[in-house]
Amino acid sequence: YSKMKDYTVQDVPLADFFNSVERNLQAVAQAVQDHEQYRTKIFSPN
């Protein structure tokens, strides 16, 4: 799993913010029961 930090309103989320959620979601889905309709995304800066 990717580390998911605590964020506050003052933090500006970068691509890593979104990617850590997406990677963790994909990892837990594959570990439990990967459904065909599950899809995640990877974000690049900008």
All heavy atoms as atom14 arrays in JSON, in Angstrom:
{
  "sequence": "YSKMKDYTVQDVPLADFFNSVERNLQAVAQAVQDHEQYRTKIFSPN",
  "atom14_mask": [
    [1, 1, 1, 1, 1, 1, 1, 1, 1, 1, 1, 1, 0, 0],
    [1, 1, 1, 1, 1, 1, 0, 0, 0, 0, 0, 0, 0, 0],
    [1, 1, 1, 1, 1, 1, 1, 1, 1, 0, 0, 0, 0, 0],
    [1, 1, 1, 1, 1, 1, 1, 1, 0, 0, 0, 0, 0, 0],
    [1, 1, 1, 1, 1, 1, 1, 1, 1, 0, 0, 0, 0, 0],
    [1, 1, 1, 1, 1, 1, 1, 1, 0, 0, 0, 0, 0, 0],
    [1, 1, 1, 1, 1, 1, 1, 1, 1, 1, 1, 1, 0, 0],
    [1, 1, 1, 1, 1, 1, 1, 0, 0, 0, 0, 0, 0, 0],
    [1, 1, 1, 1, 1, 1, 1, 0, 0, 0, 0, 0, 0, 0],
    [1, 1, 1, 1, 1, 1, 1, 1, 1, 0, 0, 0, 0, 0],
    [1, 1, 1, 1, 1, 1, 1, 1, 0, 0, 0, 0, 0, 0],
    [1, 1, 1, 1, 1, 1, 1, 0, 0, 0, 0, 0, 0, 0],
    [1, 1, 1, 1, 1, 1, 1, 0, 0, 0, 0, 0, 0, 0],
    [1, 1, 1, 1, 1, 1, 1, 1, 0, 0, 0, 0, 0, 0],
    [1, 1, 1, 1, 1, 0, 0, 0, 0, 0, 0, 0, 0, 0],
    [1, 1, 1, 1, 1, 1, 1, 1, 0, 0, 0, 0, 0, 0],
    [1, 1, 1, 1, 1, 1, 1, 1, 1, 1, 1, 0, 0, 0],
    [1, 1, 1, 1, 1, 1, 1, 1, 1, 1, 1, 0, 0, 0],
    [1, 1, 1, 1, 1, 1, 1, 1, 0, 0, 0, 0, 0, 0],
    [1, 1, 1, 1, 1, 1, 0, 0, 0, 0, 0, 0, 0, 0],
    [1, 1, 1, 1, 1, 1, 1, 0, 0, 0, 0, 0, 0, 0],
    [1, 1, 1, 1, 1, 1, 1, 1, 1, 0, 0, 0, 0, 0],
    [1, 1, 1, 1, 1, 1, 1, 1, 1, 1, 1, 0, 0, 0],
    [1, 1, 1, 1, 1, 1, 1, 1, 0, 0, 0, 0, 0, 0],
    [1, 1, 1, 1, 1, 1, 1, 1, 0, 0, 0, 0, 0, 0],
    [1, 1, 1, 1, 1, 1, 1, 1, 1, 0, 0, 0, 0, 0],
    [1, 1, 1, 1, 1, 0, 0, 0, 0, 0, 0, 0, 0, 0],
    [1, 1, 1, 1, 1, 1, 1, 0, 0, 0, 0, 0, 0, 0],
    [1, 1, 1, 1, 1, 0, 0, 0, 0, 0, 0, 0, 0, 0],
    [1, 1, 1, 1, 1, 1, 1, 1, 1, 0, 0, 0, 0, 0],
    [1, 1, 1, 1, 1, 0, 0, 0, 0, 0, 0, 0, 0, 0],
    [1, 1, 1, 1, 1, 1, 1, 0, 0, 0, 0, 0, 0, 0],
    [1, 1, 1, 1, 1, 1, 1, 1, 1, 0, 0, 0, 0, 0],
    [1, 1, 1, 1, 1, 1, 1, 1, 0, 0, 0, 0, 0, 0],
    [1, 1, 1, 1, 1, 1, 1, 1, 1, 1, 0, 0, 0, 0],
    [1, 1, 1, 1, 1, 1, 1, 1, 1, 0, 0, 0, 0, 0],
    [1, 1, 1, 1, 1, 1, 1, 1, 1, 0, 0, 0, 0, 0],
    [1, 1, 1, 1, 1, 1, 1, 1, 1, 1, 1, 1, 0, 0],
    [1, 1, 1, 1, 1, 1, 1, 1, 1, 1, 1, 0, 0, 0],
    [1, 1, 1, 1, 1, 1, 1, 0, 0, 0, 0, 0, 0, 0],
    [1, 1, 1, 1, 1, 1, 1, 1, 1, 0, 0, 0, 0, 0],
    [1, 1, 1, 1, 1, 1, 1, 1, 0, 0, 0, 0, 0, 0],
    [1, 1, 1, 1, 1, 1, 1, 1, 1, 1, 1, 0, 0, 0],
    [1, 1, 1, 1, 1, 1, 0, 0, 0, 0, 0, 0, 0, 0],
    [1, 1, 1, 1, 1, 1, 1, 0, 0, 0, 0, 0, 0, 0],
    [1, 1, 1, 1, 1, 1, 1, 1, 0, 0, 0, 0, 0, 0]
  ],
  "atom14_positions": [
    [[0.83, -1.2, 0.0], [0.0, 0.0, 0.0], [0.87, 1.25, 0.0], [1.94, 1.25, 0.58], [-0.91, 0.03, 1.23], [-1.97, -1.04, 1.23], [-1.99, -2.02, 2.23], [-2.94, -1.09, 0.25], [-2.96, -3.0, 2.23], [-3.92, -2.07, 0.24], [-3.92, -3.02, 1.24], [-4.88, -4.0, 1.23], [0.0, 0.0, 0.0], [0.0, 0.0, 0.0]],
    [[0.37, 2.29, -0.62], [1.04, 3.59, -0.6], [0.65, 4.32, 0.68], [-0.47, 4.18, 1.15], [0.6, 4.45, -1.79], [0.89, 3.83, -3.0], [0.0, 0.0, 0.0], [0.0, 0.0, 0.0], [0.0, 0.0, 0.0], [0.0, 0.0, 0.0], [0.0, 0.0, 0.0], [0.0, 0.0, 0.0], [0.0, 0.0, 0.0], [0.0, 0.0, 0.0]],
    [[1.56, 5.11, 1.19], [1.26, 5.9, 2.38], [0.28, 7.01, 2.01], [0.45, 7.7, 1.02], [2.54, 6.5, 2.96], [2.32, 7.35, 4.18], [3.34, 7.05, 5.23], [3.22, 7.98, 6.41], [2.15, 7.68, 7.29], [0.0, 0.0, 0.0], [0.0, 0.0, 0.0], [0.0, 0.0, 0.0], [0.0, 0.0, 0.0], [0.0, 0.0, 0.0]],
    [[-0.75, 7.13, 2.82], [-1.74, 8.19, 2.62], [-1.61, 9.17, 3.78], [-1.91, 8.84, 4.92], [-3.15, 7.59, 2.55], [-3.34, 6.71, 1.33], [-4.94, 5.89, 1.29], [-6.05, 7.26, 1.33], [0.0, 0.0, 0.0], [0.0, 0.0, 0.0], [0.0, 0.0, 0.0], [0.0, 0.0, 0.0], [0.0, 0.0, 0.0], [0.0, 0.0, 0.0]],
    [[-1.15, 10.36, 3.46], [-0.89, 11.35, 4.49], [-2.17, 12.02, 4.96], [-3.2, 11.96, 4.29], [0.05, 12.43, 3.95], [1.39, 11.9, 3.48], [2.36, 13.0, 3.11], [1.86, 13.91, 2.04], [2.83, 14.88, 1.55], [0.0, 0.0, 0.0], [0.0, 0.0, 0.0], [0.0, 0.0, 0.0], [0.0, 0.0, 0.0], [0.0, 0.0, 0.0]],
    [[-2.07, 12.66, 6.11], [-3.14, 13.54, 6.57], [-2.97, 14.86, 5.83], [-1.86, 15.39, 5.72], [-3.01, 13.81, 8.08], [-3.35, 12.59, 8.91], [-4.27, 11.86, 8.52], [-2.69, 12.38, 9.93], [0.0, 0.0, 0.0], [0.0, 0.0, 0.0], [0.0, 0.0, 0.0], [0.0, 0.0, 0.0], [0.0, 0.0, 0.0], [0.0, 0.0, 0.0]],
    [[-4.04, 15.36, 5.28], [-4.01, 16.65, 4.59], [-4.94, 17.62, 5.29], [-5.9, 17.21, 5.93], [-4.47, 16.5, 3.13], [-3.43, 15.89, 2.23], [-3.38, 14.5, 2.05], [-2.51, 16.67, 1.56], [-2.43, 13.93, 1.22], [-1.56, 16.11, 0.72], [-1.53, 14.75, 0.56], [-0.57, 14.18, -0.25], [0.0, 0.0, 0.0], [0.0, 0.0, 0.0]],
    [[-4.63, 18.88, 5.15], [-5.5, 19.93, 5.68], [-5.94, 20.81, 4.51], [-5.44, 20.68, 3.39], [-4.77, 20.8, 6.72], [-3.71, 21.5, 6.06], [-4.22, 19.95, 7.87], [0.0, 0.0, 0.0], [0.0, 0.0, 0.0], [0.0, 0.0, 0.0], [0.0, 0.0, 0.0], [0.0, 0.0, 0.0], [0.0, 0.0, 0.0], [0.0, 0.0, 0.0]],
    [[-6.82, 21.73, 4.78], [-7.33, 22.64, 3.77], [-6.19, 23.48, 3.19], [-6.21, 23.87, 2.03], [-8.44, 23.53, 4.36], [-8.92, 24.55, 3.36], [-9.59, 22.68, 4.85], [0.0, 0.0, 0.0], [0.0, 0.0, 0.0], [0.0, 0.0, 0.0], [0.0, 0.0, 0.0], [0.0, 0.0, 0.0], [0.0, 0.0, 0.0], [0.0, 0.0, 0.0]],
    [[-5.15, 23.74, 3.97], [-4.03, 24.57, 3.52], [-3.12, 23.82, 2.53], [-2.37, 24.44, 1.81], [-3.18, 25.05, 4.7], [-3.87, 26.1, 5.55], [-4.89, 25.5, 6.52], [-4.82, 24.34, 6.88], [-5.85, 26.31, 6.92], [0.0, 0.0, 0.0], [0.0, 0.0, 0.0], [0.0, 0.0, 0.0], [0.0, 0.0, 0.0], [0.0, 0.0, 0.0]],
    [[-3.15, 22.49, 2.53], [-2.3, 21.71, 1.64], [-2.82, 21.78, 0.21], [-4.02, 21.77, -0.03], [-2.26, 20.24, 2.07], [-1.58, 20.06, 3.41], [-0.56, 20.71, 3.65], [-2.09, 19.26, 4.21], [0.0, 0.0, 0.0], [0.0, 0.0, 0.0], [0.0, 0.0, 0.0], [0.0, 0.0, 0.0], [0.0, 0.0, 0.0], [0.0, 0.0, 0.0]],
    [[-1.9, 21.86, -0.72], [-2.26, 21.83, -2.13], [-2.0, 20.41, -2.63], [-0.86, 19.97, -2.68], [-1.42, 22.83, -2.95], [-1.76, 22.74, -4.42], [-1.63, 24.24, -2.42], [0.0, 0.0, 0.0], [0.0, 0.0, 0.0], [0.0, 0.0, 0.0], [0.0, 0.0, 0.0], [0.0, 0.0, 0.0], [0.0, 0.0, 0.0], [0.0, 0.0, 0.0]],
    [[-3.06, 19.67, -2.96], [-2.85, 18.3, -3.4], [-2.12, 18.24, -4.74], [-2.45, 18.97, -5.67], [-4.27, 17.74, -3.54], [-5.18, 18.73, -2.95], [-4.45, 20.03, -2.89], [0.0, 0.0, 0.0], [0.0, 0.0, 0.0], [0.0, 0.0, 0.0], [0.0, 0.0, 0.0], [0.0, 0.0, 0.0], [0.0, 0.0, 0.0], [0.0, 0.0, 0.0]],
    [[-1.14, 17.39, -4.81], [-0.39, 17.14, -6.04], [-0.83, 15.79, -6.6], [-1.66, 15.1, -6.02], [1.11, 17.17, -5.75], [1.62, 18.47, -5.1], [3.08, 18.33, -4.73], [1.4, 19.65, -6.03], [0.0, 0.0, 0.0], [0.0, 0.0, 0.0], [0.0, 0.0, 0.0], [0.0, 0.0, 0.0], [0.0, 0.0, 0.0], [0.0, 0.0, 0.0]],
    [[-0.25, 15.42, -7.73], [-0.62, 14.15, -8.38], [-0.5, 12.98, -7.41], [-1.32, 12.07, -7.43], [0.24, 13.93, -9.62], [0.0, 0.0, 0.0], [0.0, 0.0, 0.0], [0.0, 0.0, 0.0], [0.0, 0.0, 0.0], [0.0, 0.0, 0.0], [0.0, 0.0, 0.0], [0.0, 0.0, 0.0], [0.0, 0.0, 0.0], [0.0, 0.0, 0.0]],
    [[0.51, 13.0, -6.54], [0.71, 11.9, -5.59], [-0.47, 11.74, -4.65], [-0.8, 10.64, -4.23], [2.01, 12.11, -4.8], [2.34, 10.89, -3.96], [2.43, 9.79, -4.55], [2.47, 11.04, -2.73], [0.0, 0.0, 0.0], [0.0, 0.0, 0.0], [0.0, 0.0, 0.0], [0.0, 0.0, 0.0], [0.0, 0.0, 0.0], [0.0, 0.0, 0.0]],
    [[-1.11, 12.83, -4.29], [-2.3, 12.8, -3.44], [-3.37, 11.91, -4.07], [-3.92, 11.02, -3.44], [-2.82, 14.24, -3.27], [-4.18, 14.35, -2.64], [-4.31, 14.46, -1.27], [-5.33, 14.39, -3.42], [-5.56, 14.6, -0.68], [-6.58, 14.52, -2.85], [-6.7, 14.63, -1.47], [0.0, 0.0, 0.0], [0.0, 0.0, 0.0], [0.0, 0.0, 0.0]],
    [[-3.67, 12.15, -5.33], [-4.71, 11.4, -6.03], [-4.25, 9.97, -6.34], [-5.01, 9.02, -6.22], [-5.11, 12.13, -7.32], [-5.59, 13.52, -7.06], [-4.74, 14.61, -7.19], [-6.89, 13.75, -6.63], [-5.18, 15.9, -6.93], [-7.34, 15.03, -6.36], [-6.48, 16.11, -6.51], [0.0, 0.0, 0.0], [0.0, 0.0, 0.0], [0.0, 0.0, 0.0]],
    [[-2.97, 9.82, -6.72], [-2.45, 8.51, -7.07], [-2.39, 7.55, -5.89], [-2.61, 6.36, -6.05], [-1.08, 8.63, -7.72], [-1.15, 9.22, -9.11], [-2.18, 9.11, -9.78], [-0.08, 9.85, -9.54], [0.0, 0.0, 0.0], [0.0, 0.0, 0.0], [0.0, 0.0, 0.0], [0.0, 0.0, 0.0], [0.0, 0.0, 0.0], [0.0, 0.0, 0.0]],
    [[-2.1, 8.06, -4.7], [-2.04, 7.15, -3.54], [-3.42, 6.56, -3.25], [-3.53, 5.38, -2.93], [-1.47, 7.85, -2.31], [-2.32, 8.87, -1.86], [0.0, 0.0, 0.0], [0.0, 0.0, 0.0], [0.0, 0.0, 0.0], [0.0, 0.0, 0.0], [0.0, 0.0, 0.0], [0.0, 0.0, 0.0], [0.0, 0.0, 0.0], [0.0, 0.0, 0.0]],
    [[-4.47, 7.34, -3.4], [-5.82, 6.81, -3.22], [-6.11, 5.77, -4.3], [-6.58, 4.67, -4.01], [-6.88, 7.94, -3.24], [-8.29, 7.36, -3.28], [-6.72, 8.85, -2.03], [0.0, 0.0, 0.0], [0.0, 0.0, 0.0], [0.0, 0.0, 0.0], [0.0, 0.0, 0.0], [0.0, 0.0, 0.0], [0.0, 0.0, 0.0], [0.0, 0.0, 0.0]],
    [[-5.82, 6.1, -5.54], [-6.1, 5.2, -6.65], [-5.31, 3.89, -6.52], [-5.85, 2.8, -6.72], [-5.79, 5.87, -8.0], [-6.63, 7.1, -8.29], [-8.02, 6.79, -8.84], [-8.35, 5.63, -9.12], [-8.8, 7.76, -9.0], [0.0, 0.0, 0.0], [0.0, 0.0, 0.0], [0.0, 0.0, 0.0], [0.0, 0.0, 0.0], [0.0, 0.0, 0.0]],
    [[-4.02, 3.98, -6.18], [-3.18, 2.77, -6.03], [-3.67, 1.89, -4.89], [-3.73, 0.67, -5.0], [-1.72, 3.16, -5.82], [-0.99, 3.53, -7.09], [0.52, 3.63, -6.86], [0.87, 4.65, -5.89], [1.2, 5.9, -6.19], [1.22, 6.28, -7.45], [1.51, 6.75, -5.24], [0.0, 0.0, 0.0], [0.0, 0.0, 0.0], [0.0, 0.0, 0.0]],
    [[-4.01, 2.52, -3.77], [-4.49, 1.74, -2.62], [-5.84, 1.1, -2.91], [-6.1, -0.03, -2.49], [-4.56, 2.62, -1.37], [-3.2, 2.92, -0.82], [-2.3, 2.11, -0.92], [-3.03, 4.1, -0.27], [0.0, 0.0, 0.0], [0.0, 0.0, 0.0], [0.0, 0.0, 0.0], [0.0, 0.0, 0.0], [0.0, 0.0, 0.0], [0.0, 0.0, 0.0]],
    [[-6.68, 1.8, -3.61], [-7.98, 1.24, -3.98], [-7.79, 0.03, -4.9], [-8.43, -1.01, -4.71], [-8.83, 2.31, -4.66], [-10.26, 1.95, -4.99], [-11.03, 1.53, -3.75], [-10.95, 3.14, -5.66], [0.0, 0.0, 0.0], [0.0, 0.0, 0.0], [0.0, 0.0, 0.0], [0.0, 0.0, 0.0], [0.0, 0.0, 0.0], [0.0, 0.0, 0.0]],
    [[-6.91, 0.15, -5.86], [-6.63, -0.98, -6.76], [-6.03, -2.16, -6.01], [-6.43, -3.31, -6.22], [-5.69, -0.54, -7.88], [-5.38, -1.64, -8.87], [-4.46, -1.18, -9.98], [-3.58, -0.33, -9.76], [-4.64, -1.72, -11.16], [0.0, 0.0, 0.0], [0.0, 0.0, 0.0], [0.0, 0.0, 0.0], [0.0, 0.0, 0.0], [0.0, 0.0, 0.0]],
    [[-5.11, -1.9, -5.1], [-4.46, -2.97, -4.34], [-5.45, -3.72, -3.47], [-5.45, -4.95, -3.43], [-3.33, -2.4, -3.48], [0.0, 0.0, 0.0], [0.0, 0.0, 0.0], [0.0, 0.0, 0.0], [0.0, 0.0, 0.0], [0.0, 0.0, 0.0], [0.0, 0.0, 0.0], [0.0, 0.0, 0.0], [0.0, 0.0, 0.0], [0.0, 0.0, 0.0]],
    [[-6.32, -3.01, -2.77], [-7.28, -3.69, -1.9], [-8.33, -4.43, -2.74], [-8.76, -5.52, -2.38], [-7.9, -2.72, -0.86], [-8.95, -1.84, -1.45], [-8.46, -3.49, 0.33], [0.0, 0.0, 0.0], [0.0, 0.0, 0.0], [0.0, 0.0, 0.0], [0.0, 0.0, 0.0], [0.0, 0.0, 0.0], [0.0, 0.0, 0.0], [0.0, 0.0, 0.0]],
    [[-8.72, -3.87, -3.88], [-9.68, -4.55, -4.76], [-9.09, -5.87, -5.26], [-9.76, -6.9, -5.25], [-10.06, -3.66, -5.94], [0.0, 0.0, 0.0], [0.0, 0.0, 0.0], [0.0, 0.0, 0.0], [0.0, 0.0, 0.0], [0.0, 0.0, 0.0], [0.0, 0.0, 0.0], [0.0, 0.0, 0.0], [0.0, 0.0, 0.0], [0.0, 0.0, 0.0]],
    [[-7.84, -5.84, -5.69], [-7.2, -7.06, -6.19], [-7.0, -8.08, -5.07], [-7.08, -9.28, -5.31], [-5.87, -6.72, -6.86], [-6.05, -6.01, -8.17], [-4.74, -5.52, -8.78], [-3.73, -5.38, -8.09], [-4.77, -5.24, -10.07], [0.0, 0.0, 0.0], [0.0, 0.0, 0.0], [0.0, 0.0, 0.0], [0.0, 0.0, 0.0], [0.0, 0.0, 0.0]],
    [[-6.75, -7.61, -3.86], [-6.53, -8.52, -2.74], [-7.82, -9.2, -2.31], [-7.81, -10.34, -1.88], [-5.93, -7.75, -1.56], [0.0, 0.0, 0.0], [0.0, 0.0, 0.0], [0.0, 0.0, 0.0], [0.0, 0.0, 0.0], [0.0, 0.0, 0.0], [0.0, 0.0, 0.0], [0.0, 0.0, 0.0], [0.0, 0.0, 0.0], [0.0, 0.0, 0.0]],
    [[-8.95, -8.51, -2.41], [-10.22, -9.05, -1.92], [-10.92, -9.83, -3.02], [-11.12, -11.03, -2.92], [-11.13, -7.93, -1.37], [-12.5, -8.47, -1.0], [-10.46, -7.29, -0.15], [0.0, 0.0, 0.0], [0.0, 0.0, 0.0], [0.0, 0.0, 0.0], [0.0, 0.0, 0.0], [0.0, 0.0, 0.0], [0.0, 0.0, 0.0], [0.0, 0.0, 0.0]],
    [[-11.33, -9.14, -4.06], [-12.02, -9.79, -5.17], [-12.08, -8.78, -6.3], [-12.92, -7.89, -6.3], [-13.43, -10.23, -4.76], [-14.13, -11.01, -5.83], [-15.4, -11.65, -5.31], [-15.57, -11.89, -4.13], [-16.31, -11.93, -6.21], [0.0, 0.0, 0.0], [0.0, 0.0, 0.0], [0.0, 0.0, 0.0], [0.0, 0.0, 0.0], [0.0, 0.0, 0.0]],
    [[-11.19, -8.93, -7.24], [-11.09, -7.97, -8.33], [-12.23, -8.17, -9.32], [-12.36, -9.21, -9.93], [-9.74, -8.13, -9.04], [-9.32, -6.89, -9.79], [-9.99, -5.85, -9.64], [-8.32, -6.96, -10.51], [0.0, 0.0, 0.0], [0.0, 0.0, 0.0], [0.0, 0.0, 0.0], [0.0, 0.0, 0.0], [0.0, 0.0, 0.0], [0.0, 0.0, 0.0]],
    [[-13.1, -7.19, -9.43], [-14.22, -7.24, -10.36], [-13.81, -6.61, -11.69], [-13.01, -5.67, -11.72], [-15.43, -6.48, -9.8], [-16.06, -7.15, -8.63], [-16.93, -8.19, -8.74], [-15.93, -6.91, -7.3], [-17.33, -8.58, -7.54], [-16.73, -7.81, -6.64], [0.0, 0.0, 0.0], [0.0, 0.0, 0.0], [0.0, 0.0, 0.0], [0.0, 0.0, 0.0]],
    [[-14.39, -7.09, -12.75], [-14.07, -6.57, -14.08], [-14.36, -5.08, -14.2], [-13.63, -4.35, -14.87], [-14.89, -7.35, -15.11], [-14.54, -7.02, -16.54], [-15.33, -7.87, -17.52], [-15.19, -9.11, -17.46], [-16.08, -7.28, -18.31], [0.0, 0.0, 0.0], [0.0, 0.0, 0.0], [0.0, 0.0, 0.0], [0.0, 0.0, 0.0], [0.0, 0.0, 0.0]],
    [[-15.38, -4.6, -13.54], [-15.76, -3.19, -13.67], [-14.88, -2.25, -12.85], [-14.97, -1.05, -12.99], [-17.24, -2.98, -13.32], [-17.57, -3.11, -11.85], [-17.97, -4.52, -11.44], [-17.62, -5.49, -12.09], [-18.69, -4.64, -10.34], [0.0, 0.0, 0.0], [0.0, 0.0, 0.0], [0.0, 0.0, 0.0], [0.0, 0.0, 0.0], [0.0, 0.0, 0.0]],
    [[-14.03, -2.79, -11.99], [-13.14, -1.93, -11.21], [-12.1, -1.32, -12.14], [-11.45, -2.01, -12.91], [-12.4, -2.74, -10.13], [-13.24, -3.15, -8.95], [-12.73, -4.04, -8.02], [-14.52, -2.68, -8.76], [-13.48, -4.44, -6.93], [-15.28, -3.07, -7.66], [-14.74, -3.95, -6.76], [-15.48, -4.34, -5.68], [0.0, 0.0, 0.0], [0.0, 0.0, 0.0]],
    [[-11.95, -0.02, -12.04], [-10.92, 0.65, -12.81], [-10.42, 1.83, -11.99], [-11.19, 2.5, -11.3], [-11.43, 1.08, -14.17], [-12.56, 2.05, -14.14], [-13.3, 2.18, -15.45], [-14.17, 3.33, -15.49], [-15.21, 3.54, -14.7], [-15.51, 2.69, -13.77], [-15.96, 4.62, -14.82], [0.0, 0.0, 0.0], [0.0, 0.0, 0.0], [0.0, 0.0, 0.0]],
    [[-9.14, 2.04, -12.06], [-8.53, 3.17, -11.37], [-7.75, 3.99, -12.39], [-7.58, 3.58, -13.52], [-7.61, 2.69, -10.23], [-6.63, 1.8, -10.76], [-8.4, 1.99, -9.14], [0.0, 0.0, 0.0], [0.0, 0.0, 0.0], [0.0, 0.0, 0.0], [0.0, 0.0, 0.0], [0.0, 0.0, 0.0], [0.0, 0.0, 0.0], [0.0, 0.0, 0.0]],
    [[-7.28, 5.13, -11.96], [-6.54, 6.04, -12.83], [-5.19, 6.37, -12.2], [-5.02, 6.24, -10.99], [-7.31, 7.35, -13.02], [-8.61, 7.22, -13.77], [-9.23, 8.6, -13.93], [-10.48, 8.55, -14.79], [-11.06, 9.89, -14.96], [0.0, 0.0, 0.0], [0.0, 0.0, 0.0], [0.0, 0.0, 0.0], [0.0, 0.0, 0.0], [0.0, 0.0, 0.0]],
    [[-4.29, 6.82, -13.03], [-3.01, 7.36, -12.57], [-2.91, 8.78, -13.11], [-3.19, 9.02, -14.28], [-1.82, 6.49, -13.04], [-1.9, 5.09, -12.42], [-0.49, 7.16, -12.7], [-1.8, 5.05, -10.9], [0.0, 0.0, 0.0], [0.0, 0.0, 0.0], [0.0, 0.0, 0.0], [0.0, 0.0, 0.0], [0.0, 0.0, 0.0], [0.0, 0.0, 0.0]],
    [[-2.52, 9.69, -12.26], [-2.44, 11.1, -12.63], [-0.99, 11.54, -12.75], [-0.13, 11.09, -12.01], [-3.15, 11.96, -11.57], [-4.63, 11.69, -11.49], [-5.13, 10.73, -10.63], [-5.51, 12.39, -12.3], [-6.48, 10.47, -10.56], [-6.87, 12.13, -12.25], [-7.36, 11.17, -11.38], [0.0, 0.0, 0.0], [0.0, 0.0, 0.0], [0.0, 0.0, 0.0]],
    [[-0.73, 12.42, -13.69], [0.57, 13.05, -13.87], [0.44, 14.52, -13.49], [-0.67, 15.08, -13.52], [1.02, 12.95, -15.33], [1.15, 11.61, -15.71], [0.0, 0.0, 0.0], [0.0, 0.0, 0.0], [0.0, 0.0, 0.0], [0.0, 0.0, 0.0], [0.0, 0.0, 0.0], [0.0, 0.0, 0.0], [0.0, 0.0, 0.0], [0.0, 0.0, 0.0]],
    [[1.55, 15.17, -13.16], [1.46, 16.61, -12.86], [0.77, 17.35, -14.0], [0.97, 17.05, -15.17], [2.92, 17.03, -12.73], [3.62, 15.78, -12.28], [2.91, 14.64, -13.0], [0.0, 0.0, 0.0], [0.0, 0.0, 0.0], [0.0, 0.0, 0.0], [0.0, 0.0, 0.0], [0.0, 0.0, 0.0], [0.0, 0.0, 0.0], [0.0, 0.0, 0.0]],
    [[-0.07, 18.28, -13.64], [-0.84, 19.14, -14.54], [-1.99, 18.43, -15.25], [-2.63, 19.0, -16.12], [0.07, 19.82, -15.57], [1.1, 20.71, -14.9], [0.79, 21.4, -13.94], [2.33, 20.66, -15.38], [0.0, 0.0, 0.0], [0.0, 0.0, 0.0], [0.0, 0.0, 0.0], [0.0, 0.0, 0.0], [0.0, 0.0, 0.0], [0.0, 0.0, 0.0]]
  ]
}
